[in-house]
C-alpha cells in the first residue's frame, strides 16, 4: 500500500504565497509522474501541475508563471510553490502519484486526502 500525505494548505490573502508538500510512503519501487490537482466547490477536479521523474513539467494555463512544481526523488516528495495567489485559486488541492510497487505489477495512481487552500481578504 502507498500513502500520500499533503501539508501546507491554509488561508492566505490575495497576492500571497503558499507552499504545498506531498510525501509518498509505503510499498514503492518507483514513482513516475507526480502532480497536483484541485477541486473548487461545484466544479470538477482539474490538473494544476505535473512533473515527471525526469523533471519535465506541465501546468494549467491558469497557473503558468505563478505556480512552480518540483520534486525530491530521494524523499518521494512533490512540492507546489504558489505565488500571486488569487481568490479563484481557492480549492481543495490533491496530490497524485503514479507509483509502481514492484517489477511484477503495473504502476497505478494514488491520491492524497486533499488540503484546503483559501485565498481571501
N, C-alpha and C. Protein backbone atom coordinates (compact mmCIF):
# COMPACT_ATOMS: atom_id res chain seq x y z
N UNK A 1 0.84 -1.20 0.00
CA UNK A 1 0.00 0.00 0.00
C UNK A 1 0.88 1.25 0.00
N UNK A 2 0.35 2.29 -0.64
CA UNK A 2 1.08 3.56 -0.73
C UNK A 2 0.21 4.65 -0.13
N UNK A 3 0.83 5.53 0.61
CA UNK A 3 0.12 6.66 1.22
C UNK A 3 0.75 7.96 0.76
N UNK A 4 -0.10 8.93 0.43
CA UNK A 4 0.34 10.27 0.09
C UNK A 4 -0.18 11.21 1.16
N UNK A 5 0.71 11.97 1.77
CA UNK A 5 0.32 12.87 2.84
C UNK A 5 0.69 14.29 2.44
N UNK A 6 -0.33 15.14 2.35
CA UNK A 6 -0.14 16.52 1.95
C UNK A 6 -0.05 17.42 3.16
N UNK A 7 0.60 18.56 2.98
CA UNK A 7 0.66 19.57 4.02
C UNK A 7 0.89 20.92 3.37
N UNK A 8 0.60 21.99 4.12
CA UNK A 8 0.92 23.33 3.66
C UNK A 8 -0.25 24.19 3.24
N UNK A 9 -1.46 23.64 3.25
CA UNK A 9 -2.60 24.47 2.88
C UNK A 9 -2.94 25.48 3.97
N UNK A 10 -3.91 26.35 3.66
CA UNK A 10 -4.33 27.32 4.65
C UNK A 10 -5.02 28.50 4.03
N UNK A 11 -5.15 29.55 4.83
CA UNK A 11 -5.78 30.80 4.40
C UNK A 11 -4.71 31.83 4.09
N UNK A 12 -4.83 32.48 2.95
CA UNK A 12 -3.86 33.48 2.55
C UNK A 12 -4.59 34.62 1.84
N UNK A 13 -4.05 35.80 1.93
CA UNK A 13 -4.65 36.96 1.25
C UNK A 13 -4.29 36.95 -0.23
N UNK A 14 -5.11 37.57 -1.05
CA UNK A 14 -4.77 37.69 -2.47
C UNK A 14 -3.38 38.31 -2.64
N UNK A 15 -2.62 37.74 -3.58
CA UNK A 15 -1.25 38.18 -3.79
C UNK A 15 -0.23 37.47 -2.94
N UNK A 16 -0.70 36.68 -2.00
CA UNK A 16 0.21 35.97 -1.11
C UNK A 16 0.73 34.68 -1.70
N UNK A 17 1.48 33.94 -0.88
CA UNK A 17 2.11 32.70 -1.34
C UNK A 17 1.86 31.58 -0.34
N UNK A 18 1.86 30.37 -0.86
CA UNK A 18 1.80 29.16 -0.05
C UNK A 18 2.66 28.10 -0.73
N UNK A 19 3.15 27.17 0.07
CA UNK A 19 3.90 26.04 -0.47
C UNK A 19 3.28 24.74 0.04
N UNK A 20 2.84 23.93 -0.91
CA UNK A 20 2.28 22.63 -0.57
C UNK A 20 3.35 21.56 -0.71
N UNK A 21 3.27 20.56 0.16
CA UNK A 21 4.17 19.41 0.09
C UNK A 21 3.35 18.13 0.10
N UNK A 22 3.87 17.11 -0.53
CA UNK A 22 3.20 15.80 -0.55
C UNK A 22 4.27 14.72 -0.52
N UNK A 23 4.26 13.93 0.53
CA UNK A 23 5.24 12.86 0.68
C UNK A 23 4.57 11.50 0.48
N UNK A 24 5.19 10.68 -0.36
CA UNK A 24 4.70 9.33 -0.61
C UNK A 24 5.48 8.34 0.25
N UNK A 25 4.76 7.38 0.81
CA UNK A 25 5.41 6.36 1.63
C UNK A 25 4.71 5.03 1.44
N UNK A 26 5.41 3.95 1.83
CA UNK A 26 4.82 2.63 1.71
C UNK A 26 5.61 1.76 0.75
N UNK A 27 4.88 0.90 0.03
CA UNK A 27 5.50 -0.04 -0.89
C UNK A 27 5.77 0.65 -2.21
N UNK A 28 6.99 1.20 -2.36
CA UNK A 28 7.34 1.99 -3.54
C UNK A 28 8.60 1.44 -4.18
N UNK A 29 8.48 1.02 -5.44
CA UNK A 29 9.65 0.65 -6.22
C UNK A 29 10.11 1.85 -7.05
N UNK A 30 9.15 2.51 -7.68
CA UNK A 30 9.48 3.71 -8.45
C UNK A 30 8.23 4.58 -8.56
N UNK A 31 8.45 5.86 -8.78
CA UNK A 31 7.36 6.81 -9.00
C UNK A 31 7.57 7.50 -10.32
N UNK A 32 6.60 7.44 -11.18
CA UNK A 32 6.69 8.13 -12.46
C UNK A 32 6.27 9.58 -12.25
N UNK A 33 5.16 9.97 -12.79
CA UNK A 33 4.72 11.36 -12.63
C UNK A 33 4.14 11.60 -11.24
N UNK A 34 4.36 12.79 -10.74
CA UNK A 34 3.71 13.27 -9.52
C UNK A 34 3.09 14.62 -9.85
N UNK A 35 2.00 14.93 -9.21
CA UNK A 35 1.39 16.21 -9.54
C UNK A 35 0.33 16.66 -8.57
N UNK A 36 -0.27 17.76 -8.95
CA UNK A 36 -1.29 18.39 -8.12
C UNK A 36 -2.55 18.65 -8.95
N UNK A 37 -3.67 18.36 -8.34
CA UNK A 37 -4.97 18.67 -8.90
C UNK A 37 -5.72 19.51 -7.87
N UNK A 38 -6.78 20.16 -8.33
CA UNK A 38 -7.60 20.91 -7.38
C UNK A 38 -9.07 20.80 -7.76
N UNK A 39 -9.89 20.97 -6.75
CA UNK A 39 -11.34 20.94 -6.97
C UNK A 39 -11.99 22.03 -6.14
N UNK A 40 -12.62 22.95 -6.85
CA UNK A 40 -13.36 24.03 -6.20
C UNK A 40 -14.81 23.58 -6.02
N UNK A 41 -15.54 24.18 -5.09
CA UNK A 41 -16.94 23.80 -4.87
C UNK A 41 -17.76 23.90 -6.15
N UNK A 42 -18.48 22.84 -6.46
CA UNK A 42 -19.33 22.84 -7.63
C UNK A 42 -18.62 22.65 -8.95
N UNK A 43 -17.32 22.40 -8.90
CA UNK A 43 -16.55 22.22 -10.14
C UNK A 43 -15.87 20.86 -10.16
N UNK A 44 -15.46 20.45 -11.35
CA UNK A 44 -14.75 19.20 -11.49
C UNK A 44 -13.30 19.36 -11.06
N UNK A 45 -12.71 18.24 -10.68
CA UNK A 45 -11.29 18.26 -10.34
C UNK A 45 -10.49 18.55 -11.61
N UNK A 46 -9.48 19.41 -11.48
CA UNK A 46 -8.68 19.79 -12.64
C UNK A 46 -7.19 19.69 -12.33
N UNK A 47 -6.43 19.45 -13.39
CA UNK A 47 -4.99 19.40 -13.26
C UNK A 47 -4.44 20.79 -12.98
N UNK A 48 -3.53 20.89 -12.03
CA UNK A 48 -2.83 22.13 -11.76
C UNK A 48 -1.42 22.07 -12.33
N UNK A 49 -0.67 21.04 -11.95
CA UNK A 49 0.71 20.91 -12.41
C UNK A 49 1.16 19.47 -12.23
N UNK A 50 2.05 19.03 -13.12
CA UNK A 50 2.58 17.68 -13.03
C UNK A 50 4.06 17.71 -13.36
N UNK A 51 4.81 16.79 -12.75
CA UNK A 51 6.25 16.69 -13.01
C UNK A 51 6.62 15.23 -13.13
N UNK A 52 7.40 14.92 -14.15
CA UNK A 52 7.83 13.53 -14.36
C UNK A 52 9.05 13.22 -13.51
N UNK A 53 9.44 11.97 -13.49
CA UNK A 53 10.62 11.58 -12.72
C UNK A 53 11.88 12.23 -13.27
N UNK A 54 11.84 12.58 -14.55
CA UNK A 54 12.98 13.25 -15.17
C UNK A 54 12.98 14.75 -15.03
N UNK A 55 11.90 15.28 -14.46
CA UNK A 55 11.84 16.71 -14.21
C UNK A 55 11.06 17.53 -15.22
N UNK A 56 10.47 16.91 -16.21
CA UNK A 56 9.63 17.65 -17.15
C UNK A 56 8.34 18.06 -16.46
N UNK A 57 7.88 19.27 -16.77
CA UNK A 57 6.71 19.80 -16.09
C UNK A 57 5.62 20.23 -17.08
N UNK A 58 4.41 20.28 -16.57
CA UNK A 58 3.28 20.76 -17.34
C UNK A 58 2.35 21.48 -16.38
N UNK A 59 1.78 22.60 -16.82
CA UNK A 59 0.95 23.43 -15.96
C UNK A 59 -0.38 23.76 -16.64
N UNK A 60 -1.39 23.96 -15.82
CA UNK A 60 -2.63 24.52 -16.33
C UNK A 60 -2.35 25.96 -16.74
N UNK A 61 -3.01 26.41 -17.80
CA UNK A 61 -2.79 27.79 -18.27
C UNK A 61 -3.06 28.81 -17.17
N UNK A 62 -4.02 28.52 -16.31
CA UNK A 62 -4.43 29.48 -15.29
C UNK A 62 -3.37 29.71 -14.22
N UNK A 63 -2.38 28.82 -14.12
CA UNK A 63 -1.37 28.98 -13.07
C UNK A 63 0.03 29.21 -13.62
N UNK A 64 0.18 29.17 -14.93
CA UNK A 64 1.51 29.38 -15.51
C UNK A 64 2.08 30.72 -15.11
N UNK A 65 3.35 30.71 -14.72
CA UNK A 65 4.00 31.94 -14.30
C UNK A 65 3.80 32.28 -12.84
N UNK A 66 2.87 31.58 -12.18
CA UNK A 66 2.61 31.86 -10.76
C UNK A 66 2.94 30.65 -9.87
N UNK A 67 2.72 29.46 -10.37
CA UNK A 67 2.97 28.23 -9.60
C UNK A 67 4.19 27.51 -10.16
N UNK A 68 4.91 26.85 -9.26
CA UNK A 68 6.05 26.04 -9.66
C UNK A 68 5.99 24.69 -8.97
N UNK A 69 6.03 23.63 -9.77
CA UNK A 69 6.04 22.27 -9.21
C UNK A 69 7.47 21.75 -9.23
N UNK A 70 7.84 21.05 -8.17
CA UNK A 70 9.18 20.45 -8.09
C UNK A 70 9.08 19.16 -7.29
N UNK A 71 10.15 18.37 -7.32
CA UNK A 71 10.13 17.12 -6.56
C UNK A 71 11.52 16.76 -6.07
N UNK A 72 11.52 16.00 -5.00
CA UNK A 72 12.76 15.44 -4.45
C UNK A 72 12.61 13.93 -4.56
N UNK A 73 13.25 13.34 -5.54
CA UNK A 73 13.08 11.91 -5.78
C UNK A 73 13.60 11.06 -4.62
N UNK A 74 14.64 11.54 -3.96
CA UNK A 74 15.19 10.78 -2.83
C UNK A 74 14.21 10.70 -1.67
N UNK A 75 13.34 11.71 -1.56
CA UNK A 75 12.37 11.75 -0.47
C UNK A 75 10.96 11.37 -0.93
N UNK A 76 10.82 11.03 -2.21
CA UNK A 76 9.49 10.71 -2.76
C UNK A 76 8.48 11.82 -2.45
N UNK A 77 8.92 13.03 -2.63
CA UNK A 77 8.10 14.19 -2.26
C UNK A 77 7.96 15.15 -3.44
N UNK A 78 6.76 15.69 -3.57
CA UNK A 78 6.49 16.69 -4.60
C UNK A 78 6.02 17.97 -3.90
N UNK A 79 6.39 19.10 -4.47
CA UNK A 79 6.06 20.39 -3.90
C UNK A 79 5.30 21.24 -4.92
N UNK A 80 4.53 22.18 -4.40
CA UNK A 80 3.87 23.16 -5.26
C UNK A 80 4.04 24.52 -4.61
N UNK A 81 4.88 25.35 -5.21
CA UNK A 81 5.05 26.72 -4.75
C UNK A 81 4.03 27.58 -5.48
N UNK A 82 3.17 28.23 -4.70
CA UNK A 82 2.10 29.03 -5.27
C UNK A 82 2.31 30.49 -4.90
N UNK A 83 2.54 31.32 -5.90
CA UNK A 83 2.74 32.75 -5.70
C UNK A 83 1.62 33.53 -6.36
N UNK A 84 1.51 34.79 -5.99
CA UNK A 84 0.49 35.68 -6.57
C UNK A 84 -0.88 35.03 -6.57
N UNK A 85 -1.24 34.50 -5.44
CA UNK A 85 -2.49 33.76 -5.34
C UNK A 85 -3.70 34.66 -5.55
N UNK A 86 -4.72 34.08 -6.18
CA UNK A 86 -5.96 34.79 -6.49
C UNK A 86 -7.13 34.08 -5.81
N UNK A 87 -8.21 34.80 -5.58
CA UNK A 87 -9.38 34.13 -4.98
C UNK A 87 -9.85 32.91 -5.78
N UNK A 88 -9.69 32.95 -7.09
CA UNK A 88 -10.11 31.81 -7.91
C UNK A 88 -9.21 30.60 -7.76
N UNK A 89 -8.11 30.73 -7.03
CA UNK A 89 -7.27 29.57 -6.72
C UNK A 89 -7.81 28.79 -5.53
N UNK A 90 -8.83 29.33 -4.88
CA UNK A 90 -9.42 28.65 -3.73
C UNK A 90 -9.99 27.30 -4.14
N UNK A 91 -9.54 26.25 -3.46
CA UNK A 91 -9.97 24.90 -3.79
C UNK A 91 -9.33 23.92 -2.80
N UNK A 92 -9.77 22.68 -2.87
CA UNK A 92 -9.05 21.60 -2.20
C UNK A 92 -8.01 21.08 -3.19
N UNK A 93 -6.77 21.04 -2.76
CA UNK A 93 -5.68 20.60 -3.61
C UNK A 93 -5.31 19.16 -3.25
N UNK A 94 -5.24 18.33 -4.29
CA UNK A 94 -4.95 16.91 -4.12
C UNK A 94 -3.62 16.56 -4.78
N UNK A 95 -2.85 15.77 -4.07
CA UNK A 95 -1.61 15.24 -4.61
C UNK A 95 -1.91 13.92 -5.34
N UNK A 96 -1.20 13.70 -6.42
CA UNK A 96 -1.37 12.47 -7.20
C UNK A 96 0.00 11.91 -7.56
N UNK A 97 0.13 10.59 -7.53
CA UNK A 97 1.40 9.97 -7.90
C UNK A 97 1.13 8.66 -8.63
N UNK A 98 1.91 8.42 -9.67
CA UNK A 98 1.84 7.19 -10.46
C UNK A 98 2.95 6.28 -9.94
N UNK A 99 2.57 5.29 -9.15
CA UNK A 99 3.54 4.51 -8.37
C UNK A 99 3.58 3.06 -8.82
N UNK A 100 4.78 2.54 -8.95
CA UNK A 100 4.96 1.10 -9.19
C UNK A 100 5.48 0.50 -7.89
N UNK A 101 4.75 -0.48 -7.38
CA UNK A 101 5.13 -1.09 -6.10
C UNK A 101 6.30 -2.06 -6.25
N UNK A 102 6.34 -2.77 -7.38
CA UNK A 102 7.46 -3.67 -7.66
C UNK A 102 7.43 -3.98 -9.15
N UNK A 103 8.43 -4.73 -9.62
CA UNK A 103 8.56 -5.00 -11.05
C UNK A 103 7.48 -5.94 -11.57
N UNK A 104 6.76 -6.59 -10.68
CA UNK A 104 5.76 -7.57 -11.12
C UNK A 104 4.39 -6.95 -11.37
N UNK A 105 4.21 -5.70 -10.99
CA UNK A 105 2.91 -5.06 -11.14
C UNK A 105 3.04 -3.79 -11.96
N UNK A 106 1.91 -3.37 -12.54
CA UNK A 106 1.91 -2.13 -13.30
C UNK A 106 1.80 -0.94 -12.35
N UNK A 107 2.27 0.22 -12.79
CA UNK A 107 2.07 1.41 -11.97
C UNK A 107 0.58 1.72 -11.84
N UNK A 108 0.22 2.33 -10.73
CA UNK A 108 -1.17 2.77 -10.55
C UNK A 108 -1.19 4.12 -9.84
N UNK A 109 -2.32 4.77 -10.00
CA UNK A 109 -2.50 6.10 -9.41
C UNK A 109 -2.85 6.03 -7.93
N UNK A 110 -2.25 6.93 -7.17
CA UNK A 110 -2.62 7.11 -5.78
C UNK A 110 -2.93 8.59 -5.55
N UNK A 111 -3.83 8.84 -4.57
CA UNK A 111 -4.25 10.20 -4.26
C UNK A 111 -4.07 10.50 -2.79
N UNK A 112 -3.74 11.75 -2.51
CA UNK A 112 -3.72 12.20 -1.14
C UNK A 112 -5.13 12.55 -0.67
N UNK A 113 -5.23 12.94 0.59
CA UNK A 113 -6.54 13.21 1.18
C UNK A 113 -7.04 14.60 0.85
N UNK A 114 -6.16 15.46 0.34
CA UNK A 114 -6.54 16.82 -0.02
C UNK A 114 -6.21 17.81 1.08
N UNK A 115 -5.86 19.01 0.67
CA UNK A 115 -5.59 20.10 1.62
C UNK A 115 -6.27 21.37 1.11
N UNK A 116 -6.93 22.06 2.01
CA UNK A 116 -7.71 23.24 1.62
C UNK A 116 -6.80 24.45 1.45
N UNK A 117 -6.98 25.14 0.34
CA UNK A 117 -6.32 26.43 0.11
C UNK A 117 -7.42 27.46 -0.10
N UNK A 118 -7.41 28.49 0.74
CA UNK A 118 -8.40 29.56 0.65
C UNK A 118 -7.69 30.89 0.47
N UNK A 119 -8.06 31.57 -0.60
CA UNK A 119 -7.46 32.87 -0.90
C UNK A 119 -8.55 33.93 -0.72
N UNK A 120 -8.41 34.72 0.33
CA UNK A 120 -9.45 35.68 0.66
C UNK A 120 -8.88 36.80 1.53
N UNK A 121 -9.44 37.98 1.34
CA UNK A 121 -9.05 39.11 2.18
C UNK A 121 -9.97 39.22 3.39
